[in-house]
């Protein structure tokens, strides 16, 4: 897999995570079916942490839930540390 493919994947998953937050916020306002929190976290775990975090603050969604405001940034930090480890230490 080339670096171009990895970057394209990260772009797409981050955009998807961002819009998932916006869609869930809209659904919350309308009182309709919501996107499960595990799905929102799934975007983060799959590499879309920056997009989902941007969605949290852009749409002001889940900002009172520490699970999101602390948990998602921690996941992103861990992912960056893992990449750094494998890039420079292994």
PDB file of N, CA and C in Angstrom:
ATOM      1  N   UNK A   1       0.854  -1.180   0.000  1.00  0.00           N
ATOM      2  CA  UNK A   1       0.000   0.000   0.000  1.00  0.00           C
ATOM      3  C   UNK A   1       0.897   1.239   0.000  1.00  0.00           C
ATOM      4  N   UNK A   2       0.624   2.147  -0.901  1.00  0.00           N
ATOM      5  CA  UNK A   2       1.460   3.343  -1.009  1.00  0.00           C
ATOM      6  C   UNK A   2       0.996   4.420  -0.030  1.00  0.00           C
ATOM      7  N   UNK A   3       1.851   5.396   0.174  1.00  0.00           N
ATOM      8  CA  UNK A   3       1.531   6.511   1.057  1.00  0.00           C
ATOM      9  C   UNK A   3       0.330   7.294   0.528  1.00  0.00           C
ATOM     10  N   UNK A   4       0.170   7.353  -0.798  1.00  0.00           N
ATOM     11  CA  UNK A   4      -0.985   8.043  -1.390  1.00  0.00           C
ATOM     12  C   UNK A   4      -2.280   7.370  -0.972  1.00  0.00           C
ATOM     13  N   UNK A   5      -2.297   6.036  -0.964  1.00  0.00           N
ATOM     14  CA  UNK A   5      -3.493   5.298  -0.558  1.00  0.00           C
ATOM     15  C   UNK A   5      -3.805   5.528   0.912  1.00  0.00           C
ATOM     16  N   UNK A   6      -2.780   5.545   1.732  1.00  0.00           N
ATOM     17  CA  UNK A   6      -2.972   5.781   3.165  1.00  0.00           C
ATOM     18  C   UNK A   6      -3.525   7.179   3.398  1.00  0.00           C
ATOM     19  N   UNK A   7      -2.959   8.169   2.734  1.00  0.00           N
ATOM     20  CA  UNK A   7      -3.438   9.545   2.897  1.00  0.00           C
ATOM     21  C   UNK A   7      -4.864   9.711   2.385  1.00  0.00           C
ATOM     22  N   UNK A   8      -5.183   9.070   1.280  1.00  0.00           N
ATOM     23  CA  UNK A   8      -6.550   9.126   0.760  1.00  0.00           C
ATOM     24  C   UNK A   8      -7.524   8.486   1.748  1.00  0.00           C
ATOM     25  N   UNK A   9      -7.142   7.335   2.294  1.00  0.00           N
ATOM     26  CA  UNK A   9      -7.979   6.670   3.298  1.00  0.00           C
ATOM     27  C   UNK A   9      -8.206   7.589   4.496  1.00  0.00           C
ATOM     28  N   UNK A  10      -7.132   8.199   5.005  1.00  0.00           N
ATOM     29  CA  UNK A  10      -7.265   9.073   6.171  1.00  0.00           C
ATOM     30  C   UNK A  10      -8.143  10.282   5.868  1.00  0.00           C
ATOM     31  N   UNK A  11      -8.027  10.824   4.681  1.00  0.00           N
ATOM     32  CA  UNK A  11      -8.878  11.945   4.284  1.00  0.00           C
ATOM     33  C   UNK A  11     -10.347  11.529   4.291  1.00  0.00           C
ATOM     34  N   UNK A  12     -10.646  10.398   3.680  1.00  0.00           N
ATOM     35  CA  UNK A  12     -12.033   9.935   3.578  1.00  0.00           C
ATOM     36  C   UNK A  12     -12.609   9.604   4.951  1.00  0.00           C
ATOM     37  N   UNK A  13     -11.851   8.886   5.799  1.00  0.00           N
ATOM     38  CA  UNK A  13     -12.378   8.491   7.110  1.00  0.00           C
ATOM     39  C   UNK A  13     -12.571   9.705   8.013  1.00  0.00           C
ATOM     40  N   UNK A  14     -11.726  10.709   7.883  1.00  0.00           N
ATOM     41  CA  UNK A  14     -11.892  11.925   8.678  1.00  0.00           C
ATOM     42  C   UNK A  14     -13.090  12.748   8.218  1.00  0.00           C
ATOM     43  N   UNK A  15     -13.294  12.830   6.922  1.00  0.00           N
ATOM     44  CA  UNK A  15     -14.479  13.529   6.404  1.00  0.00           C
ATOM     45  C   UNK A  15     -15.743  12.799   6.846  1.00  0.00           C
ATOM     46  N   UNK A  16     -15.720  11.477   6.773  1.00  0.00           N
ATOM     47  CA  UNK A  16     -16.881  10.681   7.199  1.00  0.00           C
ATOM     48  C   UNK A  16     -17.161  10.890   8.687  1.00  0.00           C
ATOM     49  N   UNK A  17     -16.126  10.893   9.516  1.00  0.00           N
ATOM     50  CA  UNK A  17     -16.305  11.121  10.949  1.00  0.00           C
ATOM     51  C   UNK A  17     -16.863  12.498  11.243  1.00  0.00           C
ATOM     52  N   UNK A  18     -16.367  13.493  10.524  1.00  0.00           N
ATOM     53  CA  UNK A  18     -16.848  14.866  10.686  1.00  0.00           C
ATOM     54  C   UNK A  18     -18.340  14.946  10.372  1.00  0.00           C
ATOM     55  N   UNK A  19     -18.721  14.402   9.213  1.00  0.00           N
ATOM     56  CA  UNK A  19     -20.129  14.472   8.821  1.00  0.00           C
ATOM     57  C   UNK A  19     -21.021  13.586   9.684  1.00  0.00           C
ATOM     58  N   UNK A  20     -20.487  12.496  10.207  1.00  0.00           N
ATOM     59  CA  UNK A  20     -21.274  11.654  11.115  1.00  0.00           C
ATOM     60  C   UNK A  20     -21.675  12.448  12.360  1.00  0.00           C
ATOM     61  N   UNK A  21     -20.757  13.253  12.874  1.00  0.00           N
ATOM     62  CA  UNK A  21     -21.084  14.103  14.031  1.00  0.00           C
ATOM     63  C   UNK A  21     -22.166  15.119  13.668  1.00  0.00           C
ATOM     64  N   UNK A  22     -22.047  15.713  12.501  1.00  0.00           N
ATOM     65  CA  UNK A  22     -23.046  16.686  12.067  1.00  0.00           C
ATOM     66  C   UNK A  22     -24.407  16.051  11.862  1.00  0.00           C
ATOM     67  N   UNK A  23     -24.433  14.879  11.261  1.00  0.00           N
ATOM     68  CA  UNK A  23     -25.701  14.176  11.035  1.00  0.00           C
ATOM     69  C   UNK A  23     -26.329  13.788  12.361  1.00  0.00           C
ATOM     70  N   UNK A  24     -25.506  13.285  13.292  1.00  0.00           N
ATOM     71  CA  UNK A  24     -26.050  12.880  14.594  1.00  0.00           C
ATOM     72  C   UNK A  24     -26.601  14.084  15.353  1.00  0.00           C
ATOM     73  N   UNK A  25     -25.930  15.212  15.268  1.00  0.00           N
ATOM     74  CA  UNK A  25     -26.428  16.437  15.918  1.00  0.00           C
ATOM     75  C   UNK A  25     -27.774  16.841  15.318  1.00  0.00           C
ATOM     76  N   UNK A  26     -27.868  16.790  14.000  1.00  0.00           N
ATOM     77  CA  UNK A  26     -29.122  17.135  13.332  1.00  0.00           C
ATOM     78  C   UNK A  26     -30.244  16.187  13.765  1.00  0.00           C
ATOM     79  N   UNK A  27     -29.940  14.902  13.810  1.00  0.00           N
ATOM     80  CA  UNK A  27     -30.939  13.914  14.227  1.00  0.00           C
ATOM     81  C   UNK A  27     -31.347  14.128  15.679  1.00  0.00           C
ATOM     82  N   UNK A  28     -30.399  14.538  16.523  1.00  0.00           N
ATOM     83  CA  UNK A  28     -30.719  14.810  17.926  1.00  0.00           C
ATOM     84  C   UNK A  28     -31.705  15.975  18.030  1.00  0.00           C
ATOM     85  N   UNK A  29     -31.488  17.006  17.223  1.00  0.00           N
ATOM     86  CA  UNK A  29     -32.398  18.157  17.242  1.00  0.00           C
ATOM     87  C   UNK A  29     -33.794  17.770  16.759  1.00  0.00           C
ATOM     88  N   UNK A  30     -33.851  16.859  15.777  1.00  0.00           N
ATOM     89  CA  UNK A  30     -35.125  16.460  15.191  1.00  0.00           C
ATOM     90  C   UNK A  30     -35.827  15.389  16.021  1.00  0.00           C
ATOM     91  N   UNK A  31     -35.112  14.804  16.978  1.00  0.00           N
ATOM     92  CA  UNK A  31     -35.699  13.755  17.809  1.00  0.00           C
ATOM     93  C   UNK A  31     -35.846  12.433  17.073  1.00  0.00           C
ATOM     94  N   UNK A  32     -35.034  12.196  16.060  1.00  0.00           N
ATOM     95  CA  UNK A  32     -35.147  10.962  15.293  1.00  0.00           C
ATOM     96  C   UNK A  32     -34.024   9.992  15.650  1.00  0.00           C
ATOM     97  N   UNK A  33     -33.977   8.869  14.921  1.00  0.00           N
ATOM     98  CA  UNK A  33     -32.986   7.828  15.144  1.00  0.00           C
ATOM     99  C   UNK A  33     -31.590   8.426  15.128  1.00  0.00           C
ATOM    100  N   UNK A  34     -30.743   7.978  16.045  1.00  0.00           N
ATOM    101  CA  UNK A  34     -29.402   8.538  16.204  1.00  0.00           C
ATOM    102  C   UNK A  34     -28.330   7.552  15.769  1.00  0.00           C
ATOM    103  N   UNK A  35     -27.170   8.072  15.486  1.00  0.00           N
ATOM    104  CA  UNK A  35     -26.007   7.241  15.193  1.00  0.00           C
ATOM    105  C   UNK A  35     -25.466   6.751  16.541  1.00  0.00           C
ATOM    106  N   UNK A  36     -25.281   5.448  16.710  1.00  0.00           N
ATOM    107  CA  UNK A  36     -24.776   4.938  17.994  1.00  0.00           C
ATOM    108  C   UNK A  36     -23.404   5.533  18.338  1.00  0.00           C
ATOM    109  N   UNK A  37     -23.182   5.751  19.640  1.00  0.00           N
ATOM    110  CA  UNK A  37     -21.900   6.301  20.082  1.00  0.00           C
ATOM    111  C   UNK A  37     -20.736   5.394  19.681  1.00  0.00           C
ATOM    112  N   UNK A  38     -20.960   4.087  19.694  1.00  0.00           N
ATOM    113  CA  UNK A  38     -19.897   3.161  19.289  1.00  0.00           C
ATOM    114  C   UNK A  38     -19.491   3.375  17.831  1.00  0.00           C
ATOM    115  N   UNK A  39     -20.445   3.739  16.999  1.00  0.00           N
ATOM    116  CA  UNK A  39     -20.137   4.019  15.595  1.00  0.00           C
ATOM    117  C   UNK A  39     -19.306   5.295  15.483  1.00  0.00           C
ATOM    118  N   UNK A  40     -19.672   6.310  16.255  1.00  0.00           N
ATOM    119  CA  UNK A  40     -18.906   7.557  16.239  1.00  0.00           C
ATOM    120  C   UNK A  40     -17.473   7.303  16.709  1.00  0.00           C
ATOM    121  N   UNK A  41     -17.326   6.483  17.759  1.00  0.00           N
ATOM    122  CA  UNK A  41     -15.987   6.129  18.219  1.00  0.00           C
ATOM    123  C   UNK A  41     -15.274   5.254  17.201  1.00  0.00           C
ATOM    124  N   UNK A  42     -16.030   4.469  16.459  1.00  0.00           N
ATOM    125  CA  UNK A  42     -15.440   3.626  15.428  1.00  0.00           C
ATOM    126  C   UNK A  42     -14.693   4.447  14.393  1.00  0.00           C
ATOM    127  N   UNK A  43     -15.274   5.584  13.993  1.00  0.00           N
ATOM    128  CA  UNK A  43     -14.581   6.470  13.053  1.00  0.00           C
ATOM    129  C   UNK A  43     -13.242   6.909  13.633  1.00  0.00           C
ATOM    130  N   UNK A  44     -13.240   7.226  14.914  1.00  0.00           N
ATOM    131  CA  UNK A  44     -12.011   7.662  15.572  1.00  0.00           C
ATOM    132  C   UNK A  44     -10.976   6.539  15.594  1.00  0.00           C
ATOM    133  N   UNK A  45     -11.377   5.352  16.004  1.00  0.00           N
ATOM    134  CA  UNK A  45     -10.448   4.225  16.090  1.00  0.00           C
ATOM    135  C   UNK A  45      -9.900   3.821  14.725  1.00  0.00           C
ATOM    136  N   UNK A  46     -10.676   4.046  13.682  1.00  0.00           N
ATOM    137  CA  UNK A  46     -10.244   3.671  12.332  1.00  0.00           C
ATOM    138  C   UNK A  46      -9.384   4.746  11.664  1.00  0.00           C
ATOM    139  N   UNK A  47      -9.032   5.780  12.419  1.00  0.00           N
ATOM    140  CA  UNK A  47      -8.136   6.805  11.885  1.00  0.00           C
ATOM    141  C   UNK A  47      -8.799   8.142  11.621  1.00  0.00           C
ATOM    142  N   UNK A  48     -10.066   8.268  11.948  1.00  0.00           N
ATOM    143  CA  UNK A  48     -10.790   9.512  11.680  1.00  0.00           C
ATOM    144  C   UNK A  48     -10.939  10.407  12.890  1.00  0.00           C
ATOM    145  N   UNK A  49     -10.003  10.328  13.797  1.00  0.00           N
ATOM    146  CA  UNK A  49     -10.089  11.092  15.046  1.00  0.00           C
ATOM    147  C   UNK A  49     -10.093  12.593  14.853  1.00  0.00           C
ATOM    148  N   UNK A  50      -9.268  13.088  13.965  1.00  0.00           N
ATOM    149  CA  UNK A  50      -9.214  14.541  13.741  1.00  0.00           C
ATOM    150  C   UNK A  50     -10.551  15.044  13.209  1.00  0.00           C
ATOM    151  N   UNK A  51     -11.140  14.312  12.283  1.00  0.00           N
ATOM    152  CA  UNK A  51     -12.437  14.700  11.723  1.00  0.00           C
ATOM    153  C   UNK A  51     -13.558  14.645  12.738  1.00  0.00           C
ATOM    154  N   UNK A  52     -13.593  13.586  13.551  1.00  0.00           N
ATOM    155  CA  UNK A  52     -14.666  13.483  14.544  1.00  0.00           C
ATOM    156  C   UNK A  52     -14.503  14.544  15.629  1.00  0.00           C
ATOM    157  N   UNK A  53     -13.259  14.807  16.035  1.00  0.00           N
ATOM    158  CA  UNK A  53     -13.040  15.860  17.036  1.00  0.00           C
ATOM    159  C   UNK A  53     -13.430  17.223  16.456  1.00  0.00           C
ATOM    160  N   UNK A  54     -13.083  17.462  15.209  1.00  0.00           N
ATOM    161  CA  UNK A  54     -13.500  18.716  14.557  1.00  0.00           C
ATOM    162  C   UNK A  54     -15.024  18.808  14.510  1.00  0.00           C
ATOM    163  N   UNK A  55     -15.686  17.676  14.262  1.00  0.00           N
ATOM    164  CA  UNK A  55     -17.144  17.647  14.250  1.00  0.00           C
ATOM    165  C   UNK A  55     -17.751  17.937  15.609  1.00  0.00           C
ATOM    166  N   UNK A  56     -17.123  17.440  16.657  1.00  0.00           N
ATOM    167  CA  UNK A  56     -17.610  17.696  18.021  1.00  0.00           C
ATOM    168  C   UNK A  56     -17.709  19.200  18.266  1.00  0.00           C
ATOM    169  N   UNK A  57     -16.642  19.913  17.913  1.00  0.00           N
ATOM    170  CA  UNK A  57     -16.604  21.342  18.227  1.00  0.00           C
ATOM    171  C   UNK A  57     -17.278  22.206  17.166  1.00  0.00           C
ATOM    172  N   UNK A  58     -17.281  21.777  15.924  1.00  0.00           N
ATOM    173  CA  UNK A  58     -17.975  22.534  14.878  1.00  0.00           C
ATOM    174  C   UNK A  58     -19.482  22.525  15.108  1.00  0.00           C
ATOM    175  N   UNK A  59     -20.007  21.330  15.415  1.00  0.00           N
ATOM    176  CA  UNK A  59     -21.458  21.186  15.592  1.00  0.00           C
ATOM    177  C   UNK A  59     -21.887  21.303  17.046  1.00  0.00           C
ATOM    178  N   UNK A  60     -20.922  21.516  17.953  1.00  0.00           N
ATOM    179  CA  UNK A  60     -21.193  21.576  19.399  1.00  0.00           C
ATOM    180  C   UNK A  60     -22.003  20.355  19.836  1.00  0.00           C
ATOM    181  N   UNK A  61     -21.477  19.205  19.491  1.00  0.00           N
ATOM    182  CA  UNK A  61     -22.176  17.943  19.752  1.00  0.00           C
ATOM    183  C   UNK A  61     -21.323  17.050  20.633  1.00  0.00           C
ATOM    184  N   UNK A  62     -21.908  16.522  21.676  1.00  0.00           N
ATOM    185  CA  UNK A  62     -21.238  15.641  22.640  1.00  0.00           C
ATOM    186  C   UNK A  62     -20.161  16.375  23.429  1.00  0.00           C
ATOM    187  N   UNK A  63     -20.252  17.691  23.519  1.00  0.00           N
ATOM    188  CA  UNK A  63     -19.216  18.462  24.206  1.00  0.00           C
ATOM    189  C   UNK A  63     -19.285  18.326  25.724  1.00  0.00           C
ATOM    190  N   UNK A  64     -20.387  17.840  26.254  1.00  0.00           N
ATOM    191  CA  UNK A  64     -20.511  17.660  27.702  1.00  0.00           C
ATOM    192  C   UNK A  64     -20.158  16.243  28.138  1.00  0.00           C
ATOM    193  N   UNK A  65     -19.864  15.389  27.175  1.00  0.00           N
ATOM    194  CA  UNK A  65     -19.523  14.002  27.482  1.00  0.00           C
ATOM    195  C   UNK A  65     -18.014  13.838  27.473  1.00  0.00           C
ATOM    196  N   UNK A  66     -17.453  13.598  28.667  1.00  0.00           N
ATOM    197  CA  UNK A  66     -16.004  13.431  28.779  1.00  0.00           C
ATOM    198  C   UNK A  66     -15.502  12.260  27.951  1.00  0.00           C
ATOM    199  N   UNK A  67     -16.380  11.278  27.763  1.00  0.00           N
ATOM    200  CA  UNK A  67     -16.028  10.132  26.930  1.00  0.00           C
ATOM    201  C   UNK A  67     -15.586  10.600  25.538  1.00  0.00           C
ATOM    202  N   UNK A  68     -16.187  11.667  25.067  1.00  0.00           N
ATOM    203  CA  UNK A  68     -15.860  12.199  23.744  1.00  0.00           C
ATOM    204  C   UNK A  68     -14.781  13.279  23.813  1.00  0.00           C
ATOM    205  N   UNK A  69     -14.913  14.221  24.743  1.00  0.00           N
ATOM    206  CA  UNK A  69     -13.976  15.345  24.787  1.00  0.00           C
ATOM    207  C   UNK A  69     -12.596  14.955  25.299  1.00  0.00           C
ATOM    208  N   UNK A  70     -12.509  13.888  26.076  1.00  0.00           N
ATOM    209  CA  UNK A  70     -11.216  13.405  26.552  1.00  0.00           C
ATOM    210  C   UNK A  70     -10.830  12.119  25.828  1.00  0.00           C
ATOM    211  N   UNK A  71     -11.794  11.230  25.651  1.00  0.00           N
ATOM    212  CA  UNK A  71     -11.521   9.919  25.055  1.00  0.00           C
ATOM    213  C   UNK A  71     -11.014   9.980  23.620  1.00  0.00           C
ATOM    214  N   UNK A  72     -11.672  10.746  22.790  1.00  0.00           N
ATOM    215  CA  UNK A  72     -11.250  10.812  21.385  1.00  0.00           C
ATOM    216  C   UNK A  72      -9.859  11.429  21.218  1.00  0.00           C
ATOM    217  N   UNK A  73      -9.562  12.541  21.894  1.00  0.00           N
ATOM    218  CA  UNK A  73      -8.194  13.048  21.777  1.00  0.00           C
ATOM    219  C   UNK A  73      -7.138  12.046  22.287  1.00  0.00           C
ATOM    220  N   UNK A  74      -7.467  11.293  23.322  1.00  0.00           N
ATOM    221  CA  UNK A  74      -6.535  10.279  23.813  1.00  0.00           C
ATOM    222  C   UNK A  74      -6.281   9.202  22.766  1.00  0.00           C
ATOM    223  N   UNK A  75      -7.338   8.800  22.080  1.00  0.00           N
ATOM    224  CA  UNK A  75      -7.183   7.809  21.013  1.00  0.00           C
ATOM    225  C   UNK A  75      -6.256   8.346  19.930  1.00  0.00           C
ATOM    226  N   UNK A  76      -6.450   9.595  19.531  1.00  0.00           N
ATOM    227  CA  UNK A  76      -5.611  10.200  18.488  1.00  0.00           C
ATOM    228  C   UNK A  76      -4.157  10.276  18.958  1.00  0.00           C
ATOM    229  N   UNK A  77      -3.944  10.688  20.196  1.00  0.00           N
ATOM    230  CA  UNK A  77      -2.584  10.768  20.732  1.00  0.00           C
ATOM    231  C   UNK A  77      -1.930   9.389  20.731  1.00  0.00           C
ATOM    232  N   UNK A  78      -2.662   8.374  21.163  1.00  0.00           N
ATOM    233  CA  UNK A  78      -2.123   7.011  21.159  1.00  0.00           C
ATOM    234  C   UNK A  78      -1.790   6.550  19.741  1.00  0.00           C
ATOM    235  N   UNK A  79      -2.654   6.867  18.787  1.00  0.00           N
ATOM    236  CA  UNK A  79      -2.393   6.485  17.404  1.00  0.00           C
ATOM    237  C   UNK A  79      -1.128   7.168  16.882  1.00  0.00           C
ATOM    238  N   UNK A  80      -0.958   8.433  17.186  1.00  0.00           N
ATOM    239  CA  UNK A  80       0.239   9.151  16.737  1.00  0.00           C
ATOM    240  C   UNK A  80       1.482   8.542  17.384  1.00  0.00           C
ATOM    241  N   UNK A  81       1.407   8.238  18.668  1.00  0.00           N
ATOM    242  CA  UNK A  81       2.551   7.628  19.352  1.00  0.00           C
ATOM    243  C   UNK A  81       2.895   6.256  18.764  1.00  0.00           C
ATOM    244  N   UNK A  82       1.885   5.491  18.410  1.00  0.00           N
ATOM    245  CA  UNK A  82       2.120   4.181  17.794  1.00  0.00           C
ATOM    246  C   UNK A  82       2.813   4.349  16.439  1.00  0.00           C
ATOM    247  N   UNK A  83       2.359   5.297  15.641  1.00  0.00           N
ATOM    248  CA  UNK A  83       2.985   5.557  14.336  1.00  0.00           C
ATOM    249  C   UNK A  83       4.426   5.986  14.526  1.00  0.00           C
ATOM    250  N   UNK A  84       4.665   6.888  15.466  1.00  0.00           N
ATOM    251  CA  UNK A  84       6.035   7.340  15.731  1.00  0.00           C
ATOM    252  C   UNK A  84       6.901   6.171  16.181  1.00  0.00           C
ATOM    253  N   UNK A  85       6.372   5.351  17.061  1.00  0.00           N
ATOM    254  CA  UNK A  85       7.123   4.203  17.535  1.00  0.00           C
ATOM    255  C   UNK A  85       7.548   3.286  16.375  1.00  0.00           C
ATOM    256  N   UNK A  86       6.581   2.927  15.540  1.00  0.00           N
ATOM    257  CA  UNK A  86       6.894   2.016  14.445  1.00  0.00           C
ATOM    258  C   UNK A  86       7.753   2.667  13.365  1.00  0.00           C
ATOM    259  N   UNK A  87       7.638   3.966  13.214  1.00  0.00           N
ATOM    260  CA  UNK A  87       8.433   4.671  12.206  1.00  0.00           C
ATOM    261  C   UNK A  87       9.896   4.791  12.635  1.00  0.00           C
ATOM    262  N   UNK A  88      10.126   5.097  13.903  1.00  0.00           N
ATOM    263  CA  UNK A  88      11.477   5.409  14.345  1.00  0.00           C
ATOM    264  C   UNK A  88      12.127   4.376  15.263  1.00  0.00           C
ATOM    265  N   UNK A  89      11.337   3.565  15.916  1.00  0.00           N
ATOM    266  CA  UNK A  89      11.904   2.635  16.896  1.00  0.00           C
ATOM    267  C   UNK A  89      12.050   1.207  16.386  1.00  0.00           C
ATOM    268  N   UNK A  90      11.257   0.847  15.430  1.00  0.00           N
ATOM    269  CA  UNK A  90      11.296  -0.546  14.952  1.00  0.00           C
ATOM    270  C   UNK A  90      12.122  -0.637  13.686  1.00  0.00           C
TER     271      UNK A  90
END
